[in-house]
Every structure is written in structure tokens, then in C-alpha cells.
Amino acid sequence: MVDTKASDCRTIGHFYGVDGKKLQRQYKDYLSDFKDWDQKGHAKQWLIFPENIGPYLSIDETALSKGELYTIITNKKAKGRKGSIVAIFSGTKVGPIIEQLMKISAKERAKVKEITMDMANSMKTISKKCFPKAIQVTDRFHVQKLALEALQDIRIKHRWDAIDLENEQIKQPRAKNKTFVPKEFNNGDTRKQLLARSRYLMYKAPNNWTENQYIRSRILFDQYPDIKIAFDLAQGLRNIFNTATSIETAYTKLAHWYKDVENTGFRAFNTIANTITLNYRSILNYFINRSTNASAESFNAKIKAFRSQFRGVRNIEFFLFRLTKIFA
């Protein structure tokens, strides 16, 4: 049966002078196989496709409707096409997910050699229990994201201070019926603007900066040396993932990075360093095959695009039916 988009039903209905919503209902109730779907009874809670298990999996969570989280396991080899979905579970609670996955034969589960994930303990517990022979790999981009958030946190604190300072500077002349003109740096930014407009350049490596971003960064780092130190720490962590060629090399470089973090005294970066220490084994496993969770993030984007075609999700079971028809 050819899958028809909900929006297409309305377009076709308009073309033939048929009510689009009625045509959509007809498709759901009669034209598609949804009515006789053998997994319909438990679709809201779980869906499993053991035949799609492969040696390299990803596990991640995504929101399907109204912010409700679902845990999704995908097969990387399928590259986001048919055969991608291994399992979908409502929620992130470990117990119910493990219960259903353990119904898959041990032989099938033993096929999994590697599984990538974020740093959530629930994901690690599920992987360890259900795929005991698989190497767990913490996604490098989740680690880097923590460092970038710590960097942005320092910038934002300075920005609030700059806003407070400018507000006070405006009040004083106003009381004397005068107008305050904020000082501009040589690139035309005020202090408040400098801190606001520096947001995006901090996500990029210096060799990817535009000329304006390079000029802005020099002013920013000159005015706020602590932001420069934090930026170098974030870039240093990125460089470890980019340049280390083995687990041993990465371990040594991370140890040096950890020492640099301790010397700065930045609370947020110390938290990151401790997080890395607690997850170092699965983080270092990245350097075996340089595997990431990018395929899971890409699949989440496909789900969001699919959801937008529906203009939201009114019927969870029917949405999952169509999703699995295409990707499972």
C-alpha cells in the first residue's frame, strides 16, 4: 500500500471536490493496513523489530508529541532508511524498556558490537543489560556541548552585568534631563552588544571565523580575559577529539586538559571535568572507531520533519504506524 501524507489527502480531496479530512479518515480506517496492524495494541508503550538489529546501534530519546519523550534504538547501517528502527519505547524508564528488549533472543542481542549514546545513566544501564557484548560509546558532541554551555554561561553572566551597568548609566543623566550615549568599541559595538553578538563565534573554531568575528573576538578577549581562558578550554577539548589517534593518546591529553581546568578554578568546567572522569571509559571508546550518535540525531530530525507534515500528532498509534512503515 502506497503511503499517503496527511497534507496530500487534503490536496487530493480539494482537487476532486472531496472533503480532505474525510479522505484522511478513510485512508486511516480502510485504505491503509492500520486497522489490522498486529502491533496496534501495544504501540503506545513499545514497538520492537528484532530483524533490524545490527552490529552498530544508537540509542537516544526524542519528543514525539507535546514534549512526551520516547526512547528510540536505531541501526546505523540502515542510514536513516528502511530497517533503521530497532525499537521505540514510551518514556525513558529503564525497567519497562529492559523487560521488552530481553524478550529478543540472546543470540540476536549478541550481534551488537557497539552502541552509541549520550551520558544518561539510563541509556548505559539499558545497553549493559540488554547488549552485554557491545562496547558503549559516549557521543563526543554531547561532551563538547557541555564545554560550550559552560563557556556561554560565563559570557551570559558578563552580559547581565553589562546590562545592569548600562541601565545605571542611563538613569543618572536622565535625572538631570540629559541623554546617555554608550561608549562604542572600534568595531561599532557597545559593551552590551559586544557580549550579545559574540554568542555565535564561540561555537566556531577560530579558523572558521569571518573577519568581523575575528575583530569582535579580539575586543572581547581583551575586555574579558576569563572568557578567553574558557574559550581555549572548550577548543582544547574539541582538539583532543579531532587529533588524538588512540585511546592512550586521548587519555594523556585529557589528563593535561583536566589539569588546565583545575588551574582556572572555573566551577562549570570543574563540573565537566568530573563528569568526564565518571564517564571516561565510554568517552575514550570513541577513539576505537570514532563513532558518534550523529545518526540518531539525524533520525530525530527525520521524525520532526515527518511530524510537521502531520501538522502535529493527533493519533499516536497511527503516527507510529506510518513511521514504522517507512523506517522499520
C-alpha atoms as a PDB file:
ATOM      1  CA  MET A   1       0.000   0.000   0.000  1.00  0.00           C
ATOM      2  CA  VAL A   2       1.492   3.355  -1.001  1.00  0.00           C
ATOM      3  CA  ASP A   3       1.855   5.685   1.958  1.00  0.00           C
ATOM      4  CA  THR A   4      -0.018   8.972   1.560  1.00  0.00           C
ATOM      5  CA  LYS A   5       0.786  12.099   3.534  1.00  0.00           C
ATOM      6  CA  ALA A   6      -1.946  13.745   5.540  1.00  0.00           C
ATOM      7  CA  SER A   7      -1.368  17.005   3.669  1.00  0.00           C
ATOM      8  CA  ASP A   8      -1.608  15.099   0.364  1.00  0.00           C
ATOM      9  CA  CYS A   9      -5.019  13.756   1.381  1.00  0.00           C
ATOM     10  CA  ARG A  10      -6.302  17.305   1.772  1.00  0.00           C
ATOM     11  CA  THR A  11      -4.746  18.371  -1.557  1.00  0.00           C
ATOM     12  CA  ILE A  12      -6.186  15.392  -3.430  1.00  0.00           C
ATOM     13  CA  GLY A  13      -9.519  15.895  -1.690  1.00  0.00           C
ATOM     14  CA  HIS A  14      -9.605  19.538  -2.806  1.00  0.00           C
ATOM     15  CA  PHE A  15      -8.721  18.556  -6.398  1.00  0.00           C
ATOM     16  CA  TYR A  16     -11.552  16.020  -6.624  1.00  0.00           C
ATOM     17  CA  GLY A  17     -14.027  18.061  -4.602  1.00  0.00           C
ATOM     18  CA  VAL A  18     -13.910  15.638  -1.656  1.00  0.00           C
ATOM     19  CA  ASP A  19     -13.614  16.671   1.971  1.00  0.00           C
ATOM     20  CA  GLY A  20      -9.904  16.310   2.841  1.00  0.00           C
ATOM     21  CA  LYS A  21     -10.438  15.311   6.461  1.00  0.00           C
ATOM     22  CA  LYS A  22     -12.929  12.670   5.435  1.00  0.00           C
ATOM     23  CA  LEU A  23     -10.495  11.284   2.859  1.00  0.00           C
ATOM     24  CA  GLN A  24      -7.815  11.223   5.566  1.00  0.00           C
ATOM     25  CA  ARG A  25     -10.105   9.219   7.864  1.00  0.00           C
ATOM     26  CA  GLN A  26     -10.903   6.829   5.013  1.00  0.00           C
ATOM     27  CA  TYR A  27      -7.206   6.299   4.421  1.00  0.00           C
ATOM     28  CA  LYS A  28      -6.547   5.617   8.107  1.00  0.00           C
ATOM     29  CA  ASP A  29      -9.533   3.338   8.693  1.00  0.00           C
ATOM     30  CA  TYR A  30      -9.830   1.490   5.380  1.00  0.00           C
ATOM     31  CA  LEU A  31      -7.186   2.155   2.731  1.00  0.00           C
ATOM     32  CA  SER A  32      -4.129   1.591   4.920  1.00  0.00           C
ATOM     33  CA  ASP A  33      -3.287  -1.548   6.911  1.00  0.00           C
ATOM     34  CA  PHE A  34      -3.561   0.342  10.204  1.00  0.00           C
ATOM     35  CA  LYS A  35      -6.806  -1.330  11.243  1.00  0.00           C
ATOM     36  CA  ASP A  36      -5.181  -4.787  11.061  1.00  0.00           C
ATOM     37  CA  TRP A  37      -1.761  -3.774  12.369  1.00  0.00           C
ATOM     38  CA  ASP A  38      -0.570  -6.555  14.649  1.00  0.00           C
ATOM     39  CA  GLN A  39       1.328  -4.162  16.961  1.00  0.00           C
ATOM     40  CA  LYS A  40      -1.504  -1.671  17.373  1.00  0.00           C
ATOM     41  CA  GLY A  41      -2.473  -2.897  20.852  1.00  0.00           C
ATOM     42  CA  HIS A  42       0.880  -2.036  22.442  1.00  0.00           C
ATOM     43  CA  ALA A  43       2.174   0.605  20.016  1.00  0.00           C
ATOM     44  CA  LYS A  44       1.802   3.444  22.538  1.00  0.00           C
ATOM     45  CA  GLN A  45       4.040   1.594  25.009  1.00  0.00           C
ATOM     46  CA  TRP A  46       6.575  -0.225  22.827  1.00  0.00           C
ATOM     47  CA  LEU A  47       7.461  -1.386  19.322  1.00  0.00           C
ATOM     48  CA  ILE A  48      10.262  -3.843  18.596  1.00  0.00           C
ATOM     49  CA  PHE A  49      11.718  -5.030  15.278  1.00  0.00           C
ATOM     50  CA  PRO A  50      14.366  -7.683  16.097  1.00  0.00           C
ATOM     51  CA  GLU A  51      15.062  -8.280  12.402  1.00  0.00           C
ATOM     52  CA  ASN A  52      16.621  -4.803  12.212  1.00  0.00           C
ATOM     53  CA  ILE A  53      19.298  -5.457  14.842  1.00  0.00           C
ATOM     54  CA  GLY A  54      22.816  -4.956  13.533  1.00  0.00           C
ATOM     55  CA  PRO A  55      26.354  -4.725  14.939  1.00  0.00           C
ATOM     56  CA  TYR A  56      26.273  -0.926  15.304  1.00  0.00           C
ATOM     57  CA  LEU A  57      23.344   0.717  17.083  1.00  0.00           C
ATOM     58  CA  SER A  58      22.427   4.124  18.509  1.00  0.00           C
ATOM     59  CA  ILE A  59      20.127   4.822  21.424  1.00  0.00           C
ATOM     60  CA  ASP A  60      18.600   8.225  22.017  1.00  0.00           C
ATOM     61  CA  GLU A  61      15.463   9.967  23.207  1.00  0.00           C
ATOM     62  CA  THR A  62      13.136  12.256  21.258  1.00  0.00           C
ATOM     63  CA  ALA A  63       9.803  14.011  21.730  1.00  0.00           C
ATOM     64  CA  LEU A  64       7.001  12.741  19.513  1.00  0.00           C
ATOM     65  CA  SER A  65       4.055  14.750  20.803  1.00  0.00           C
ATOM     66  CA  LYS A  66       3.504  17.513  23.391  1.00  0.00           C
ATOM     67  CA  GLY A  67       7.020  17.054  24.744  1.00  0.00           C
ATOM     68  CA  GLU A  68       6.416  13.382  25.654  1.00  0.00           C
ATOM     69  CA  LEU A  69       9.741  11.558  25.402  1.00  0.00           C
ATOM     70  CA  TYR A  70      10.282   8.273  23.584  1.00  0.00           C
ATOM     71  CA  THR A  71      13.432   6.145  23.641  1.00  0.00           C
ATOM     72  CA  ILE A  72      14.470   5.024  20.171  1.00  0.00           C
ATOM     73  CA  ILE A  73      17.076   2.443  19.179  1.00  0.00           C
ATOM     74  CA  THR A  74      18.272   2.612  15.572  1.00  0.00           C
ATOM     75  CA  ASN A  75      20.548   0.600  13.292  1.00  0.00           C
ATOM     76  CA  LYS A  76      23.327   2.774  11.865  1.00  0.00           C
ATOM     77  CA  LYS A  77      23.830   0.576   8.815  1.00  0.00           C
ATOM     78  CA  ALA A  78      20.347   1.465   7.519  1.00  0.00           C
ATOM     79  CA  LYS A  79      21.456   5.123   7.257  1.00  0.00           C
ATOM     80  CA  GLY A  80      18.044   6.525   8.185  1.00  0.00           C
ATOM     81  CA  ARG A  81      16.133   4.473   5.638  1.00  0.00           C
ATOM     82  CA  LYS A  82      14.033   1.302   5.822  1.00  0.00           C
ATOM     83  CA  GLY A  83      15.334  -1.025   8.513  1.00  0.00           C
ATOM     84  CA  SER A  84      16.524   1.835  10.735  1.00  0.00           C
ATOM     85  CA  ILE A  85      14.164   1.363  13.672  1.00  0.00           C
ATOM     86  CA  VAL A  86      15.064  -1.452  16.051  1.00  0.00           C
ATOM     87  CA  ALA A  87      12.757  -0.372  18.887  1.00  0.00           C
ATOM     88  CA  ILE A  88      10.643   2.517  20.150  1.00  0.00           C
ATOM     89  CA  PHE A  89       9.585   2.855  23.795  1.00  0.00           C
ATOM     90  CA  SER A  90       7.319   5.330  25.515  1.00  0.00           C
ATOM     91  CA  GLY A  91       9.266   7.207  28.163  1.00  0.00           C
ATOM     92  CA  THR A  92      12.805   6.701  29.444  1.00  0.00           C
ATOM     93  CA  LYS A  93      12.218   4.410  32.451  1.00  0.00           C
ATOM     94  CA  VAL A  94      14.787   1.659  32.456  1.00  0.00           C
ATOM     95  CA  GLY A  95      12.670  -1.221  33.810  1.00  0.00           C
ATOM     96  CA  PRO A  96       9.928  -1.442  31.128  1.00  0.00           C
ATOM     97  CA  ILE A  97      12.461  -0.967  28.308  1.00  0.00           C
ATOM     98  CA  ILE A  98      14.745  -3.733  29.560  1.00  0.00           C
ATOM     99  CA  GLU A  99      11.731  -6.021  30.095  1.00  0.00           C
ATOM    100  CA  GLN A 100      10.715  -5.769  26.442  1.00  0.00           C
ATOM    101  CA  LEU A 101      14.228  -5.908  24.982  1.00  0.00           C
ATOM    102  CA  MET A 102      15.033  -9.046  26.951  1.00  0.00           C
ATOM    103  CA  LYS A 103      12.258 -10.812  25.022  1.00  0.00           C
ATOM    104  CA  ILE A 104      14.556 -10.682  21.992  1.00  0.00           C
ATOM    105  CA  SER A 105      16.693 -13.807  21.840  1.00  0.00           C
ATOM    106  CA  ALA A 106      20.162 -13.627  23.410  1.00  0.00           C
ATOM    107  CA  LYS A 107      21.628 -14.688  20.068  1.00  0.00           C
ATOM    108  CA  GLU A 108      20.140 -11.652  18.314  1.00  0.00           C
ATOM    109  CA  ARG A 109      21.197  -9.271  21.080  1.00  0.00           C
ATOM    110  CA  ALA A 110      24.729 -10.684  20.994  1.00  0.00           C
ATOM    111  CA  LYS A 111      25.087  -9.415  17.414  1.00  0.00           C
ATOM    112  CA  VAL A 112      25.514  -5.870  18.707  1.00  0.00           C
ATOM    113  CA  LYS A 113      29.210  -4.925  18.833  1.00  0.00           C
ATOM    114  CA  GLU A 114      28.897  -1.221  19.592  1.00  0.00           C
ATOM    115  CA  ILE A 115      26.191   1.171  20.767  1.00  0.00           C
ATOM    116  CA  THR A 116      26.486   4.961  20.900  1.00  0.00           C
ATOM    117  CA  MET A 117      24.564   7.164  23.343  1.00  0.00           C
ATOM    118  CA  ASP A 118      24.622  10.350  25.386  1.00  0.00           C
ATOM    119  CA  MET A 119      25.738  10.430  29.023  1.00  0.00           C
ATOM    120  CA  ALA A 120      22.380   9.459  30.534  1.00  0.00           C
ATOM    121  CA  ASN A 121      22.802   6.643  33.062  1.00  0.00           C
ATOM    122  CA  SER A 122      19.532   5.105  31.905  1.00  0.00           C
ATOM    123  CA  MET A 123      20.951   4.558  28.412  1.00  0.00           C
ATOM    124  CA  LYS A 124      24.058   2.927  29.837  1.00  0.00           C
ATOM    125  CA  THR A 125      22.033   0.619  32.070  1.00  0.00           C
ATOM    126  CA  ILE A 126      19.813  -0.464  29.174  1.00  0.00           C
ATOM    127  CA  SER A 127      22.840  -1.118  26.956  1.00  0.00           C
ATOM    128  CA  LYS A 128      24.775  -3.022  29.590  1.00  0.00           C
ATOM    129  CA  LYS A 129      21.845  -5.266  30.493  1.00  0.00           C
ATOM    130  CA  CYS A 130      20.414  -5.919  27.023  1.00  0.00           C
ATOM    131  CA  PHE A 131      23.531  -5.794  24.847  1.00  0.00           C
ATOM    132  CA  PRO A 132      26.255  -7.120  27.166  1.00  0.00           C
ATOM    133  CA  LYS A 133      28.780  -7.762  24.383  1.00  0.00           C
ATOM    134  CA  ALA A 134      28.513  -4.257  22.934  1.00  0.00           C
ATOM    135  CA  ILE A 135      31.097  -1.536  23.533  1.00  0.00           C
ATOM    136  CA  GLN A 136      29.417   1.572  24.933  1.00  0.00           C
ATOM    137  CA  VAL A 137      30.468   4.834  23.286  1.00  0.00           C
ATOM    138  CA  THR A 138      29.546   8.230  24.725  1.00  0.00           C
ATOM    139  CA  ASP A 139      28.841  10.685  21.931  1.00  0.00           C
ATOM    140  CA  ARG A 140      31.685  13.200  21.665  1.00  0.00           C
ATOM    141  CA  PHE A 141      29.338  16.023  20.695  1.00  0.00           C
ATOM    142  CA  HIS A 142      27.429  15.716  23.981  1.00  0.00           C
ATOM    143  CA  VAL A 143      30.742  16.109  25.827  1.00  0.00           C
ATOM    144  CA  GLN A 144      31.720  19.132  23.725  1.00  0.00           C
ATOM    145  CA  LYS A 145      28.259  20.622  24.199  1.00  0.00           C
ATOM    146  CA  LEU A 146      28.806  20.714  27.981  1.00  0.00           C
ATOM    147  CA  ALA A 147      32.021  22.694  27.492  1.00  0.00           C
ATOM    148  CA  LEU A 148      30.306  25.137  25.138  1.00  0.00           C
ATOM    149  CA  GLU A 149      27.448  25.624  27.602  1.00  0.00           C
ATOM    150  CA  ALA A 150      29.977  26.377  30.373  1.00  0.00           C
ATOM    151  CA  LEU A 151      31.650  28.919  28.093  1.00  0.00           C
ATOM    152  CA  GLN A 152      28.333  30.558  27.222  1.00  0.00           C
ATOM    153  CA  ASP A 153      27.411  30.656  30.910  1.00  0.00           C
ATOM    154  CA  ILE A 154      30.459  32.850  31.625  1.00  0.00           C
ATOM    155  CA  ARG A 155      29.598  35.143  28.688  1.00  0.00           C
ATOM    156  CA  ILE A 156      25.956  35.455  29.780  1.00  0.00           C
ATOM    157  CA  LYS A 157      26.934  36.430  33.336  1.00  0.00           C
ATOM    158  CA  HIS A 158      29.103  39.233  31.947  1.00  0.00           C
ATOM    159  CA  ARG A 159      26.254  40.288  29.652  1.00  0.00           C
ATOM    160  CA  TRP A 160      23.833  40.669  32.576  1.00  0.00           C
ATOM    161  CA  ASP A 161      26.439  42.773  34.380  1.00  0.00           C
ATOM    162  CA  ALA A 162      26.821  44.925  31.246  1.00  0.00           C
ATOM    163  CA  ILE A 163      23.043  45.398  31.015  1.00  0.00           C
ATOM    164  CA  ASP A 164      22.863  46.427  34.690  1.00  0.00           C
ATOM    165  CA  LEU A 165      25.778  48.838  34.226  1.00  0.00           C
ATOM    166  CA  GLU A 166      24.201  50.451  31.143  1.00  0.00           C
ATOM    167  CA  ASN A 167      20.851  50.787  32.908  1.00  0.00           C
ATOM    168  CA  GLU A 168      22.529  52.656  35.766  1.00  0.00           C
ATOM    169  CA  GLN A 169      24.435  54.843  33.310  1.00  0.00           C
ATOM    170  CA  ILE A 170      21.155  55.755  31.601  1.00  0.00           C
ATOM    171  CA  LYS A 171      19.367  56.605  34.874  1.00  0.00           C
ATOM    172  CA  GLN A 172      21.898  59.128  36.147  1.00  0.00           C
ATOM    173  CA  PRO A 173      21.886  61.517  33.114  1.00  0.00           C
ATOM    174  CA  ARG A 174      18.131  61.100  32.766  1.00  0.00           C
ATOM    175  CA  ALA A 175      17.662  62.501  36.275  1.00  0.00           C
ATOM    176  CA  LYS A 176      19.412  65.644  35.006  1.00  0.00           C
ATOM    177  CA  ASN A 177      17.431  65.702  31.738  1.00  0.00           C
ATOM    178  CA  LYS A 178      20.467  64.554  29.799  1.00  0.00           C
ATOM    179  CA  THR A 179      20.904  61.722  27.313  1.00  0.00           C
ATOM    180  CA  PHE A 180      23.409  58.930  27.853  1.00  0.00           C
ATOM    181  CA  VAL A 181      25.384  57.791  24.804  1.00  0.00           C
ATOM    182  CA  PRO A 182      27.063  54.424  25.431  1.00  0.00           C
ATOM    183  CA  LYS A 183      30.728  54.087  24.518  1.00  0.00           C
ATOM    184  CA  GLU A 184      31.439  52.080  21.368  1.00  0.00           C
ATOM    185  CA  PHE A 185      34.468  49.927  20.647  1.00  0.00           C
ATOM    186  CA  ASN A 186      36.314  50.380  17.356  1.00  0.00           C
ATOM    187  CA  ASN A 187      34.050  47.850  15.603  1.00  0.00           C
ATOM    188  CA  GLY A 188      30.922  49.838  16.482  1.00  0.00           C
ATOM    189  CA  ASP A 189      29.700  47.527  19.288  1.00  0.00           C
ATOM    190  CA  THR A 190      28.730  48.816  22.703  1.00  0.00           C
ATOM    191  CA  ARG A 191      29.759  46.635  25.644  1.00  0.00           C
ATOM    192  CA  LYS A 192      26.278  45.113  25.838  1.00  0.00           C
ATOM    193  CA  GLN A 193      26.228  44.465  22.087  1.00  0.00           C
ATOM    194  CA  LEU A 194      29.723  43.000  22.134  1.00  0.00           C
ATOM    195  CA  LEU A 195      28.691  40.332  24.636  1.00  0.00           C
ATOM    196  CA  ALA A 196      25.418  39.590  22.843  1.00  0.00           C
ATOM    197  CA  ARG A 197      26.937  39.403  19.349  1.00  0.00           C
ATOM    198  CA  SER A 198      29.814  37.164  20.447  1.00  0.00           C
ATOM    199  CA  ARG A 199      27.474  34.254  21.068  1.00  0.00           C
ATOM    200  CA  TYR A 200      27.848  32.525  17.702  1.00  0.00           C
ATOM    201  CA  LEU A 201      31.576  32.972  17.209  1.00  0.00           C
ATOM    202  CA  MET A 202      32.163  30.971  20.394  1.00  0.00           C
ATOM    203  CA  TYR A 203      30.601  27.892  18.803  1.00  0.00           C
ATOM    204  CA  LYS A 204      33.132  28.005  15.965  1.00  0.00           C
ATOM    205  CA  ALA A 205      36.846  27.300  15.682  1.00  0.00           C
ATOM    206  CA  PRO A 206      38.901  30.481  15.044  1.00  0.00           C
ATOM    207  CA  ASN A 207      39.812  29.330  11.520  1.00  0.00           C
ATOM    208  CA  ASN A 208      36.083  29.432  10.676  1.00  0.00           C
ATOM    209  CA  TRP A 209      35.532  32.998  11.890  1.00  0.00           C
ATOM    210  CA  THR A 210      34.640  35.763   9.474  1.00  0.00           C
ATOM    211  CA  GLU A 211      36.758  38.940   9.514  1.00  0.00           C
ATOM    212  CA  ASN A 212      34.148  40.753  11.618  1.00  0.00           C
ATOM    213  CA  GLN A 213      34.006  37.858  14.090  1.00  0.00           C
ATOM    214  CA  TYR A 214      37.793  37.860  14.361  1.00  0.00           C
ATOM    215  CA  ILE A 215      37.818  41.593  15.164  1.00  0.00           C
ATOM    216  CA  ARG A 216      34.991  41.158  17.677  1.00  0.00           C
ATOM    217  CA  SER A 217      36.790  38.240  19.366  1.00  0.00           C
ATOM    218  CA  ARG A 218      39.967  40.321  19.864  1.00  0.00           C
ATOM    219  CA  ILE A 219      37.982  43.066  21.573  1.00  0.00           C
ATOM    220  CA  LEU A 220      36.002  40.552  23.658  1.00  0.00           C
ATOM    221  CA  PHE A 221      39.074  38.648  24.847  1.00  0.00           C
ATOM    222  CA  ASP A 222      40.895  41.898  25.617  1.00  0.00           C
ATOM    223  CA  GLN A 223      37.979  43.118  27.757  1.00  0.00           C
ATOM    224  CA  TYR A 224      37.219  39.737  29.348  1.00  0.00           C
ATOM    225  CA  PRO A 225      40.334  37.543  29.789  1.00  0.00           C
ATOM    226  CA  ASP A 226      38.299  34.886  31.641  1.00  0.00           C
ATOM    227  CA  ILE A 227      36.161  34.347  28.520  1.00  0.00           C
ATOM    228  CA  LYS A 228      39.397  33.833  26.526  1.00  0.00           C
ATOM    229  CA  ILE A 229      40.582  31.215  29.021  1.00  0.00           C
ATOM    230  CA  ALA A 230      37.206  29.430  28.917  1.00  0.00           C
ATOM    231  CA  PHE A 231      37.174  29.582  25.111  1.00  0.00           C
ATOM    232  CA  ASP A 232      40.635  27.992  24.966  1.00  0.00           C
ATOM    233  CA  LEU A 233      39.459  25.209  27.288  1.00  0.00           C
ATOM    234  CA  ALA A 234      36.435  24.466  25.070  1.00  0.00           C
ATOM    235  CA  GLN A 235      38.632  24.498  21.957  1.00  0.00           C
ATOM    236  CA  GLY A 236      41.202  22.310  23.694  1.00  0.00           C
ATOM    237  CA  LEU A 237      38.592  19.651  24.386  1.00  0.00           C
ATOM    238  CA  ARG A 238      37.439  19.784  20.748  1.00  0.00           C
ATOM    239  CA  ASN A 239      41.039  19.408  19.554  1.00  0.00           C
ATOM    240  CA  ILE A 240      41.517  16.277  21.658  1.00  0.00           C
ATOM    241  CA  PHE A 241      38.641  14.589  19.836  1.00  0.00           C
ATOM    242  CA  ASN A 242      39.915  15.850  16.480  1.00  0.00           C
ATOM    243  CA  THR A 243      43.593  14.979  16.823  1.00  0.00           C
ATOM    244  CA  ALA A 244      44.014  12.035  19.223  1.00  0.00           C
ATOM    245  CA  THR A 245      44.691   8.851  17.268  1.00  0.00           C
ATOM    246  CA  SER A 246      44.317   6.257  20.031  1.00  0.00           C
ATOM    247  CA  ILE A 247      42.779   5.686  23.442  1.00  0.00           C
ATOM    248  CA  GLU A 248      46.203   6.046  25.080  1.00  0.00           C
ATOM    249  CA  THR A 249      46.923   9.391  23.400  1.00  0.00           C
ATOM    250  CA  ALA A 250      43.451  10.702  24.216  1.00  0.00           C
ATOM    251  CA  TYR A 251      43.786   9.615  27.849  1.00  0.00           C
ATOM    252  CA  THR A 252      47.056  11.543  28.218  1.00  0.00           C
ATOM    253  CA  LYS A 253      45.651  14.663  26.538  1.00  0.00           C
ATOM    254  CA  LEU A 254      42.518  14.568  28.691  1.00  0.00           C
ATOM    255  CA  ALA A 255      44.686  14.355  31.805  1.00  0.00           C
ATOM    256  CA  HIS A 256      46.527  17.531  30.756  1.00  0.00           C
ATOM    257  CA  TRP A 257      43.218  19.234  29.930  1.00  0.00           C
ATOM    258  CA  TYR A 258      41.858  18.243  33.348  1.00  0.00           C
ATOM    259  CA  LYS A 259      44.885  19.873  34.999  1.00  0.00           C
ATOM    260  CA  ASP A 260      44.319  23.090  32.993  1.00  0.00           C
ATOM    261  CA  VAL A 261      40.702  23.134  34.168  1.00  0.00           C
ATOM    262  CA  GLU A 262      41.742  22.780  37.801  1.00  0.00           C
ATOM    263  CA  ASN A 263      44.154  25.704  37.444  1.00  0.00           C
ATOM    264  CA  THR A 264      41.407  28.033  36.175  1.00  0.00           C
ATOM    265  CA  GLY A 265      39.069  27.441  39.106  1.00  0.00           C
ATOM    266  CA  PHE A 266      36.007  27.731  36.855  1.00  0.00           C
ATOM    267  CA  ARG A 267      33.210  25.906  38.655  1.00  0.00           C
ATOM    268  CA  ALA A 268      31.310  24.937  35.475  1.00  0.00           C
ATOM    269  CA  PHE A 269      34.424  23.469  33.841  1.00  0.00           C
ATOM    270  CA  ASN A 270      35.306  21.573  37.009  1.00  0.00           C
ATOM    271  CA  THR A 271      31.830  20.011  36.826  1.00  0.00           C
ATOM    272  CA  ILE A 272      32.538  18.970  33.215  1.00  0.00           C
ATOM    273  CA  ALA A 273      35.907  17.530  34.175  1.00  0.00           C
ATOM    274  CA  ASN A 274      34.283  15.468  36.946  1.00  0.00           C
ATOM    275  CA  THR A 275      31.592  14.299  34.504  1.00  0.00           C
ATOM    276  CA  ILE A 276      34.290  13.179  32.061  1.00  0.00           C
ATOM    277  CA  THR A 277      36.085  11.352  34.889  1.00  0.00           C
ATOM    278  CA  LEU A 278      32.900   9.444  35.747  1.00  0.00           C
ATOM    279  CA  ASN A 279      32.307   8.541  32.088  1.00  0.00           C
ATOM    280  CA  TYR A 280      35.899   8.343  30.860  1.00  0.00           C
ATOM    281  CA  ARG A 281      35.771   4.705  29.742  1.00  0.00           C
ATOM    282  CA  SER A 282      32.846   5.138  27.352  1.00  0.00           C
ATOM    283  CA  ILE A 283      34.192   8.537  26.226  1.00  0.00           C
ATOM    284  CA  LEU A 284      37.569   7.006  25.348  1.00  0.00           C
ATOM    285  CA  ASN A 285      35.814   4.220  23.434  1.00  0.00           C
ATOM    286  CA  TYR A 286      35.093   6.867  20.797  1.00  0.00           C
ATOM    287  CA  PHE A 287      38.701   6.544  19.669  1.00  0.00           C
ATOM    288  CA  ILE A 288      38.256   2.883  18.696  1.00  0.00           C
ATOM    289  CA  ASN A 289      36.043   3.511  15.650  1.00  0.00           C
ATOM    290  CA  ARG A 290      35.447   7.278  16.076  1.00  0.00           C
ATOM    291  CA  SER A 291      31.739   6.531  16.289  1.00  0.00           C
ATOM    292  CA  THR A 292      29.221   9.223  17.233  1.00  0.00           C
ATOM    293  CA  ASN A 293      25.497   9.458  17.853  1.00  0.00           C
ATOM    294  CA  ALA A 294      25.069  11.657  14.763  1.00  0.00           C
ATOM    295  CA  SER A 295      22.914   9.022  13.033  1.00  0.00           C
ATOM    296  CA  ALA A 296      20.443   9.117  15.955  1.00  0.00           C
ATOM    297  CA  GLU A 297      20.325  12.919  15.880  1.00  0.00           C
ATOM    298  CA  SER A 298      19.749  12.782  12.121  1.00  0.00           C
ATOM    299  CA  PHE A 299      16.939  10.283  12.608  1.00  0.00           C
ATOM    300  CA  ASN A 300      15.360  12.546  15.238  1.00  0.00           C
ATOM    301  CA  ALA A 301      15.377  15.327  12.630  1.00  0.00           C
ATOM    302  CA  LYS A 302      13.565  12.998  10.211  1.00  0.00           C
ATOM    303  CA  ILE A 303      10.912  12.319  12.850  1.00  0.00           C
ATOM    304  CA  LYS A 304      10.416  16.048  13.446  1.00  0.00           C
ATOM    305  CA  ALA A 305      10.068  16.645   9.695  1.00  0.00           C
ATOM    306  CA  PHE A 306       7.605  13.752   9.442  1.00  0.00           C
ATOM    307  CA  ARG A 307       5.653  15.171  12.388  1.00  0.00           C
ATOM    308  CA  SER A 308       5.484  18.606  10.758  1.00  0.00           C
ATOM    309  CA  GLN A 309       3.839  17.019   7.693  1.00  0.00           C
ATOM    310  CA  PHE A 310       1.080  15.840  10.023  1.00  0.00           C
ATOM    311  CA  ARG A 311       0.858  19.350  11.498  1.00  0.00           C
ATOM    312  CA  GLY A 312       1.289  17.707  14.888  1.00  0.00           C
ATOM    313  CA  VAL A 313       0.388  14.264  16.194  1.00  0.00           C
ATOM    314  CA  ARG A 314      -3.295  13.703  16.946  1.00  0.00           C
ATOM    315  CA  ASN A 315      -3.230   9.909  16.925  1.00  0.00           C
ATOM    316  CA  ILE A 316      -0.050   8.417  18.409  1.00  0.00           C
ATOM    317  CA  GLU A 317      -0.720   4.880  17.173  1.00  0.00           C
ATOM    318  CA  PHE A 318      -1.351   5.984  13.579  1.00  0.00           C
ATOM    319  CA  PHE A 319       1.718   8.217  13.626  1.00  0.00           C
ATOM    320  CA  LEU A 320       3.887   5.338  14.857  1.00  0.00           C
ATOM    321  CA  PHE A 321       2.267   3.001  12.317  1.00  0.00           C
ATOM    322  CA  ARG A 322       3.267   5.260   9.434  1.00  0.00           C
ATOM    323  CA  LEU A 323       6.696   5.956  10.938  1.00  0.00           C
ATOM    324  CA  THR A 324       7.490   2.266  11.229  1.00  0.00           C
ATOM    325  CA  LYS A 325       6.084   1.520   7.759  1.00  0.00           C
ATOM    326  CA  ILE A 326       8.686   3.841   6.309  1.00  0.00           C
ATOM    327  CA  PHE A 327      11.660   3.360   8.656  1.00  0.00           C
ATOM    328  CA  ALA A 328      11.209  -0.144  10.131  1.00  0.00           C
END
